[in-house]
């Protein structure tokens, strides 16, 4: 029994199948080809602390937002 690939029509059809398979692989394995590979996502608390250290938010705003998340404020390093 031979594998019949006539439904592809030409090599252009084979390329479509190839790129659809690559896109499926990227989507289903959760790889982010345009982002940082191997990086982990920050938690909300880590992001708030980063914003406080960078001066994007005030200490009071940091504490208020952290209370909304249900955590106690951490001491800055």
PDB file of N, CA and C in Angstrom:
ATOM      1  N   UNK A   1       0.850  -1.173   0.000  1.00  0.00           N
ATOM      2  CA  UNK A   1       0.000   0.000   0.000  1.00  0.00           C
ATOM      3  C   UNK A   1       0.894   1.234   0.000  1.00  0.00           C
ATOM      4  N   UNK A   2       0.759   2.021  -1.025  1.00  0.00           N
ATOM      5  CA  UNK A   2       1.586   3.218  -1.171  1.00  0.00           C
ATOM      6  C   UNK A   2       0.842   4.434  -0.621  1.00  0.00           C
ATOM      7  N   UNK A   3       1.611   5.371  -0.128  1.00  0.00           N
ATOM      8  CA  UNK A   3       1.049   6.619   0.388  1.00  0.00           C
ATOM      9  C   UNK A   3       0.752   7.538  -0.788  1.00  0.00           C
ATOM     10  N   UNK A   4      -0.507   7.896  -0.972  1.00  0.00           N
ATOM     11  CA  UNK A   4      -0.921   8.712  -2.098  1.00  0.00           C
ATOM     12  C   UNK A   4      -1.006  10.177  -1.660  1.00  0.00           C
ATOM     13  N   UNK A   5      -0.107  10.999  -2.180  1.00  0.00           N
ATOM     14  CA  UNK A   5      -0.077  12.413  -1.838  1.00  0.00           C
ATOM     15  C   UNK A   5      -0.580  13.291  -2.977  1.00  0.00           C
ATOM     16  N   UNK A   6      -1.359  12.738  -3.878  1.00  0.00           N
ATOM     17  CA  UNK A   6      -1.861  13.518  -5.013  1.00  0.00           C
ATOM     18  C   UNK A   6      -2.802  14.630  -4.579  1.00  0.00           C
ATOM     19  N   UNK A   7      -3.377  14.512  -3.380  1.00  0.00           N
ATOM     20  CA  UNK A   7      -4.283  15.560  -2.915  1.00  0.00           C
ATOM     21  C   UNK A   7      -3.550  16.874  -2.674  1.00  0.00           C
ATOM     22  N   UNK A   8      -2.224  16.824  -2.542  1.00  0.00           N
ATOM     23  CA  UNK A   8      -1.458  18.045  -2.337  1.00  0.00           C
ATOM     24  C   UNK A   8      -1.374  18.867  -3.608  1.00  0.00           C
ATOM     25  N   UNK A   9      -1.422  18.244  -4.727  1.00  0.00           N
ATOM     26  CA  UNK A   9      -1.427  18.960  -5.991  1.00  0.00           C
ATOM     27  C   UNK A   9      -0.048  19.304  -6.502  1.00  0.00           C
ATOM     28  N   UNK A  10       0.819  19.778  -5.660  1.00  0.00           N
ATOM     29  CA  UNK A  10       2.167  20.156  -6.079  1.00  0.00           C
ATOM     30  C   UNK A  10       3.026  20.322  -4.834  1.00  0.00           C
ATOM     31  N   UNK A  11       4.246  20.795  -5.052  1.00  0.00           N
ATOM     32  CA  UNK A  11       5.111  21.044  -3.899  1.00  0.00           C
ATOM     33  C   UNK A  11       4.593  22.219  -3.073  1.00  0.00           C
ATOM     34  N   UNK A  12       3.814  23.112  -3.691  1.00  0.00           N
ATOM     35  CA  UNK A  12       3.222  24.215  -2.930  1.00  0.00           C
ATOM     36  C   UNK A  12       2.272  23.666  -1.871  1.00  0.00           C
ATOM     37  N   UNK A  13       1.534  22.642  -2.204  1.00  0.00           N
ATOM     38  CA  UNK A  13       0.649  22.004  -1.234  1.00  0.00           C
ATOM     39  C   UNK A  13       1.424  21.358  -0.109  1.00  0.00           C
ATOM     40  N   UNK A  14       2.562  20.766  -0.447  1.00  0.00           N
ATOM     41  CA  UNK A  14       3.404  20.155   0.585  1.00  0.00           C
ATOM     42  C   UNK A  14       3.939  21.218   1.537  1.00  0.00           C
ATOM     43  N   UNK A  15       4.303  22.379   1.005  1.00  0.00           N
ATOM     44  CA  UNK A  15       4.775  23.466   1.881  1.00  0.00           C
ATOM     45  C   UNK A  15       3.662  23.957   2.806  1.00  0.00           C
ATOM     46  N   UNK A  16       2.419  24.018   2.296  1.00  0.00           N
ATOM     47  CA  UNK A  16       1.301  24.401   3.153  1.00  0.00           C
ATOM     48  C   UNK A  16       1.171  23.436   4.325  1.00  0.00           C
ATOM     49  N   UNK A  17       1.257  22.144   4.029  1.00  0.00           N
ATOM     50  CA  UNK A  17       1.158  21.135   5.088  1.00  0.00           C
ATOM     51  C   UNK A  17       2.309  21.321   6.079  1.00  0.00           C
ATOM     52  N   UNK A  18       3.503  21.569   5.578  1.00  0.00           N
ATOM     53  CA  UNK A  18       4.667  21.758   6.446  1.00  0.00           C
ATOM     54  C   UNK A  18       4.466  22.953   7.381  1.00  0.00           C
ATOM     55  N   UNK A  19       4.056  24.107   6.845  1.00  0.00           N
ATOM     56  CA  UNK A  19       3.908  25.303   7.673  1.00  0.00           C
ATOM     57  C   UNK A  19       2.740  25.193   8.649  1.00  0.00           C
ATOM     58  N   UNK A  20       1.694  24.505   8.257  1.00  0.00           N
ATOM     59  CA  UNK A  20       0.591  24.267   9.192  1.00  0.00           C
ATOM     60  C   UNK A  20       1.073  23.379  10.337  1.00  0.00           C
ATOM     61  N   UNK A  21       1.880  22.385  10.040  1.00  0.00           N
ATOM     62  CA  UNK A  21       2.434  21.522  11.084  1.00  0.00           C
ATOM     63  C   UNK A  21       3.351  22.308  12.012  1.00  0.00           C
ATOM     64  N   UNK A  22       4.178  23.178  11.470  1.00  0.00           N
ATOM     65  CA  UNK A  22       5.071  23.999  12.300  1.00  0.00           C
ATOM     66  C   UNK A  22       4.243  24.926  13.193  1.00  0.00           C
ATOM     67  N   UNK A  23       3.230  25.562  12.641  1.00  0.00           N
ATOM     68  CA  UNK A  23       2.374  26.454  13.433  1.00  0.00           C
ATOM     69  C   UNK A  23       1.670  25.674  14.538  1.00  0.00           C
ATOM     70  N   UNK A  24       1.190  24.490  14.240  1.00  0.00           N
ATOM     71  CA  UNK A  24       0.549  23.655  15.253  1.00  0.00           C
ATOM     72  C   UNK A  24       1.516  23.270  16.352  1.00  0.00           C
ATOM     73  N   UNK A  25       2.737  22.953  15.969  1.00  0.00           N
ATOM     74  CA  UNK A  25       3.765  22.594  16.949  1.00  0.00           C
ATOM     75  C   UNK A  25       4.041  23.774  17.883  1.00  0.00           C
ATOM     76  N   UNK A  26       4.176  24.962  17.322  1.00  0.00           N
ATOM     77  CA  UNK A  26       4.442  26.159  18.129  1.00  0.00           C
ATOM     78  C   UNK A  26       3.270  26.455  19.063  1.00  0.00           C
ATOM     79  N   UNK A  27       2.066  26.343  18.568  1.00  0.00           N
ATOM     80  CA  UNK A  27       0.888  26.667  19.368  1.00  0.00           C
ATOM     81  C   UNK A  27       0.659  25.634  20.467  1.00  0.00           C
ATOM     82  N   UNK A  28       0.676  24.369  20.126  1.00  0.00           N
ATOM     83  CA  UNK A  28       0.320  23.337  21.099  1.00  0.00           C
ATOM     84  C   UNK A  28       1.418  23.056  22.111  1.00  0.00           C
ATOM     85  N   UNK A  29       2.645  23.294  21.783  1.00  0.00           N
ATOM     86  CA  UNK A  29       3.706  23.096  22.765  1.00  0.00           C
ATOM     87  C   UNK A  29       3.948  24.343  23.597  1.00  0.00           C
ATOM     88  N   UNK A  30       3.286  25.424  23.261  1.00  0.00           N
ATOM     89  CA  UNK A  30       3.390  26.644  24.047  1.00  0.00           C
ATOM     90  C   UNK A  30       4.695  27.381  23.853  1.00  0.00           C
ATOM     91  N   UNK A  31       5.361  27.155  22.760  1.00  0.00           N
ATOM     92  CA  UNK A  31       6.599  27.876  22.495  1.00  0.00           C
ATOM     93  C   UNK A  31       6.265  29.264  21.985  1.00  0.00           C
ATOM     94  N   UNK A  32       7.068  30.224  22.373  1.00  0.00           N
ATOM     95  CA  UNK A  32       6.852  31.592  21.935  1.00  0.00           C
ATOM     96  C   UNK A  32       8.027  31.992  21.053  1.00  0.00           C
ATOM     97  N   UNK A  33       7.898  31.856  19.722  1.00  0.00           N
ATOM     98  CA  UNK A  33       9.040  32.113  18.845  1.00  0.00           C
ATOM     99  C   UNK A  33       9.462  33.580  18.812  1.00  0.00           C
ATOM    100  N   UNK A  34       8.589  34.485  19.249  1.00  0.00           N
ATOM    101  CA  UNK A  34       8.919  35.899  19.183  1.00  0.00           C
ATOM    102  C   UNK A  34       9.307  36.472  20.539  1.00  0.00           C
ATOM    103  N   UNK A  35       9.194  35.699  21.575  1.00  0.00           N
ATOM    104  CA  UNK A  35       9.509  36.172  22.921  1.00  0.00           C
ATOM    105  C   UNK A  35      10.814  35.602  23.413  1.00  0.00           C
ATOM    106  N   UNK A  36      11.012  35.715  24.695  1.00  0.00           N
ATOM    107  CA  UNK A  36      12.216  35.178  25.300  1.00  0.00           C
ATOM    108  C   UNK A  36      12.045  33.685  25.495  1.00  0.00           C
ATOM    109  N   UNK A  37      12.971  32.921  25.022  1.00  0.00           N
ATOM    110  CA  UNK A  37      12.868  31.480  25.218  1.00  0.00           C
ATOM    111  C   UNK A  37      13.455  31.106  26.568  1.00  0.00           C
ATOM    112  N   UNK A  38      12.783  30.218  27.251  1.00  0.00           N
ATOM    113  CA  UNK A  38      13.270  29.739  28.532  1.00  0.00           C
ATOM    114  C   UNK A  38      12.995  30.665  29.702  1.00  0.00           C
ATOM    115  N   UNK A  39      12.293  31.747  29.502  1.00  0.00           N
ATOM    116  CA  UNK A  39      12.028  32.654  30.617  1.00  0.00           C
ATOM    117  C   UNK A  39      10.715  32.261  31.274  1.00  0.00           C
ATOM    118  N   UNK A  40      10.631  32.528  32.555  1.00  0.00           N
ATOM    119  CA  UNK A  40       9.385  32.235  33.246  1.00  0.00           C
ATOM    120  C   UNK A  40       8.617  33.534  33.432  1.00  0.00           C
ATOM    121  N   UNK A  41       7.334  33.417  33.541  1.00  0.00           N
ATOM    122  CA  UNK A  41       6.507  34.604  33.753  1.00  0.00           C
ATOM    123  C   UNK A  41       6.621  35.041  35.196  1.00  0.00           C
ATOM    124  N   UNK A  42       6.587  36.336  35.394  1.00  0.00           N
ATOM    125  CA  UNK A  42       6.641  36.883  36.744  1.00  0.00           C
ATOM    126  C   UNK A  42       5.272  36.792  37.390  1.00  0.00           C
ATOM    127  N   UNK A  43       5.291  36.630  38.702  1.00  0.00           N
ATOM    128  CA  UNK A  43       4.038  36.695  39.428  1.00  0.00           C
ATOM    129  C   UNK A  43       3.628  38.159  39.552  1.00  0.00           C
ATOM    130  N   UNK A  44       2.389  38.372  39.925  1.00  0.00           N
ATOM    131  CA  UNK A  44       1.898  39.747  40.084  1.00  0.00           C
ATOM    132  C   UNK A  44       2.692  40.478  41.158  1.00  0.00           C
ATOM    133  N   UNK A  45       3.056  39.761  42.224  1.00  0.00           N
ATOM    134  CA  UNK A  45       3.817  40.373  43.301  1.00  0.00           C
ATOM    135  C   UNK A  45       5.214  40.778  42.827  1.00  0.00           C
ATOM    136  N   UNK A  46       5.849  39.926  42.043  1.00  0.00           N
ATOM    137  CA  UNK A  46       7.180  40.251  41.506  1.00  0.00           C
ATOM    138  C   UNK A  46       7.117  41.446  40.568  1.00  0.00           C
ATOM    139  N   UNK A  47       6.063  41.514  39.775  1.00  0.00           N
ATOM    140  CA  UNK A  47       5.911  42.633  38.841  1.00  0.00           C
ATOM    141  C   UNK A  47       5.689  43.937  39.600  1.00  0.00           C
ATOM    142  N   UNK A  48       4.888  43.894  40.660  1.00  0.00           N
ATOM    143  CA  UNK A  48       4.679  45.093  41.478  1.00  0.00           C
ATOM    144  C   UNK A  48       5.990  45.552  42.112  1.00  0.00           C
ATOM    145  N   UNK A  49       6.756  44.607  42.645  1.00  0.00           N
ATOM    146  CA  UNK A  49       8.030  44.949  43.266  1.00  0.00           C
ATOM    147  C   UNK A  49       8.985  45.554  42.243  1.00  0.00           C
ATOM    148  N   UNK A  50       9.004  45.012  41.026  1.00  0.00           N
ATOM    149  CA  UNK A  50       9.863  45.563  39.972  1.00  0.00           C
ATOM    150  C   UNK A  50       9.453  46.987  39.640  1.00  0.00           C
ATOM    151  N   UNK A  51       8.141  47.219  39.538  1.00  0.00           N
ATOM    152  CA  UNK A  51       7.656  48.562  39.218  1.00  0.00           C
ATOM    153  C   UNK A  51       7.987  49.549  40.329  1.00  0.00           C
ATOM    154  N   UNK A  52       7.922  49.096  41.586  1.00  0.00           N
ATOM    155  CA  UNK A  52       8.281  49.962  42.712  1.00  0.00           C
ATOM    156  C   UNK A  52       9.766  50.302  42.665  1.00  0.00           C
ATOM    157  N   UNK A  53      10.604  49.304  42.435  1.00  0.00           N
ATOM    158  CA  UNK A  53      12.050  49.530  42.391  1.00  0.00           C
ATOM    159  C   UNK A  53      12.455  50.414  41.226  1.00  0.00           C
ATOM    160  N   UNK A  54      11.710  50.329  40.122  1.00  0.00           N
ATOM    161  CA  UNK A  54      12.007  51.171  38.954  1.00  0.00           C
ATOM    162  C   UNK A  54      11.431  52.570  39.083  1.00  0.00           C
ATOM    163  N   UNK A  55      10.660  52.819  40.140  1.00  0.00           N
ATOM    164  CA  UNK A  55      10.088  54.141  40.347  1.00  0.00           C
ATOM    165  C   UNK A  55       8.824  54.406  39.563  1.00  0.00           C
ATOM    166  N   UNK A  56       8.216  53.369  38.993  1.00  0.00           N
ATOM    167  CA  UNK A  56       6.991  53.550  38.217  1.00  0.00           C
ATOM    168  C   UNK A  56       5.784  53.802  39.114  1.00  0.00           C
ATOM    169  N   UNK A  57       5.804  53.244  40.329  1.00  0.00           N
ATOM    170  CA  UNK A  57       4.702  53.445  41.268  1.00  0.00           C
ATOM    171  C   UNK A  57       5.270  53.868  42.619  1.00  0.00           C
ATOM    172  N   UNK A  58       4.447  54.519  43.418  1.00  0.00           N
ATOM    173  CA  UNK A  58       4.889  54.975  44.744  1.00  0.00           C
ATOM    174  C   UNK A  58       4.791  53.821  45.747  1.00  0.00           C
ATOM    175  N   UNK A  59       5.428  54.028  46.901  1.00  0.00           N
ATOM    176  CA  UNK A  59       5.406  53.018  47.954  1.00  0.00           C
ATOM    177  C   UNK A  59       3.961  52.764  48.424  1.00  0.00           C
ATOM    178  N   UNK A  60       3.175  53.825  48.551  1.00  0.00           N
ATOM    179  CA  UNK A  60       1.790  53.687  48.990  1.00  0.00           C
ATOM    180  C   UNK A  60       0.959  52.924  47.957  1.00  0.00           C
ATOM    181  N   UNK A  61       1.186  53.239  46.692  1.00  0.00           N
ATOM    182  CA  UNK A  61       0.477  52.540  45.622  1.00  0.00           C
ATOM    183  C   UNK A  61       0.858  51.060  45.607  1.00  0.00           C
ATOM    184  N   UNK A  62       2.144  50.791  45.821  1.00  0.00           N
ATOM    185  CA  UNK A  62       2.619  49.402  45.892  1.00  0.00           C
ATOM    186  C   UNK A  62       1.910  48.647  47.013  1.00  0.00           C
ATOM    187  N   UNK A  63       1.856  49.241  48.196  1.00  0.00           N
ATOM    188  CA  UNK A  63       1.237  48.588  49.348  1.00  0.00           C
ATOM    189  C   UNK A  63      -0.267  48.395  49.141  1.00  0.00           C
ATOM    190  N   UNK A  64      -0.926  49.402  48.538  1.00  0.00           N
ATOM    191  CA  UNK A  64      -2.361  49.294  48.275  1.00  0.00           C
ATOM    192  C   UNK A  64      -2.644  48.157  47.288  1.00  0.00           C
ATOM    193  N   UNK A  65      -1.872  48.095  46.213  1.00  0.00           N
ATOM    194  CA  UNK A  65      -2.080  47.046  45.211  1.00  0.00           C
ATOM    195  C   UNK A  65      -1.738  45.671  45.765  1.00  0.00           C
ATOM    196  N   UNK A  66      -0.721  45.605  46.610  1.00  0.00           N
ATOM    197  CA  UNK A  66      -0.341  44.331  47.202  1.00  0.00           C
ATOM    198  C   UNK A  66      -1.430  43.840  48.154  1.00  0.00           C
ATOM    199  N   UNK A  67      -2.057  44.768  48.894  1.00  0.00           N
ATOM    200  CA  UNK A  67      -3.168  44.373  49.765  1.00  0.00           C
ATOM    201  C   UNK A  67      -4.327  43.820  48.942  1.00  0.00           C
ATOM    202  N   UNK A  68      -4.562  44.395  47.768  1.00  0.00           N
ATOM    203  CA  UNK A  68      -5.616  43.879  46.893  1.00  0.00           C
ATOM    204  C   UNK A  68      -5.316  42.449  46.451  1.00  0.00           C
ATOM    205  N   UNK A  69      -4.030  42.136  46.302  1.00  0.00           N
ATOM    206  CA  UNK A  69      -3.636  40.778  45.934  1.00  0.00           C
ATOM    207  C   UNK A  69      -3.650  39.835  47.134  1.00  0.00           C
ATOM    208  N   UNK A  70      -3.690  40.393  48.342  1.00  0.00           N
ATOM    209  CA  UNK A  70      -3.762  39.562  49.530  1.00  0.00           C
ATOM    210  C   UNK A  70      -2.419  39.223  50.133  1.00  0.00           C
ATOM    211  N   UNK A  71      -1.375  39.999  49.871  1.00  0.00           N
ATOM    212  CA  UNK A  71      -0.044  39.739  50.424  1.00  0.00           C
ATOM    213  C   UNK A  71       0.388  40.892  51.309  1.00  0.00           C
ATOM    214  N   UNK A  72       1.331  40.577  52.194  1.00  0.00           N
ATOM    215  CA  UNK A  72       1.929  41.619  53.019  1.00  0.00           C
ATOM    216  C   UNK A  72       3.089  42.247  52.246  1.00  0.00           C
ATOM    217  N   UNK A  73       3.300  43.552  52.372  1.00  0.00           N
ATOM    218  CA  UNK A  73       4.414  44.202  51.653  1.00  0.00           C
ATOM    219  C   UNK A  73       5.763  43.658  52.096  1.00  0.00           C
ATOM    220  N   UNK A  74       6.662  43.497  51.143  1.00  0.00           N
ATOM    221  CA  UNK A  74       8.022  43.037  51.423  1.00  0.00           C
ATOM    222  C   UNK A  74       8.934  44.232  51.598  1.00  0.00           C
ATOM    223  N   UNK A  75      10.008  44.019  52.309  1.00  0.00           N
ATOM    224  CA  UNK A  75      11.017  45.056  52.456  1.00  0.00           C
ATOM    225  C   UNK A  75      11.826  45.139  51.169  1.00  0.00           C
ATOM    226  N   UNK A  76      12.151  46.351  50.763  1.00  0.00           N
ATOM    227  CA  UNK A  76      13.024  46.510  49.590  1.00  0.00           C
ATOM    228  C   UNK A  76      14.421  46.052  49.926  1.00  0.00           C
ATOM    229  N   UNK A  77      15.090  45.487  48.933  1.00  0.00           N
ATOM    230  CA  UNK A  77      16.459  44.998  49.134  1.00  0.00           C
ATOM    231  C   UNK A  77      17.437  46.126  49.151  1.00  0.00           C
TER     232      UNK A  77
END
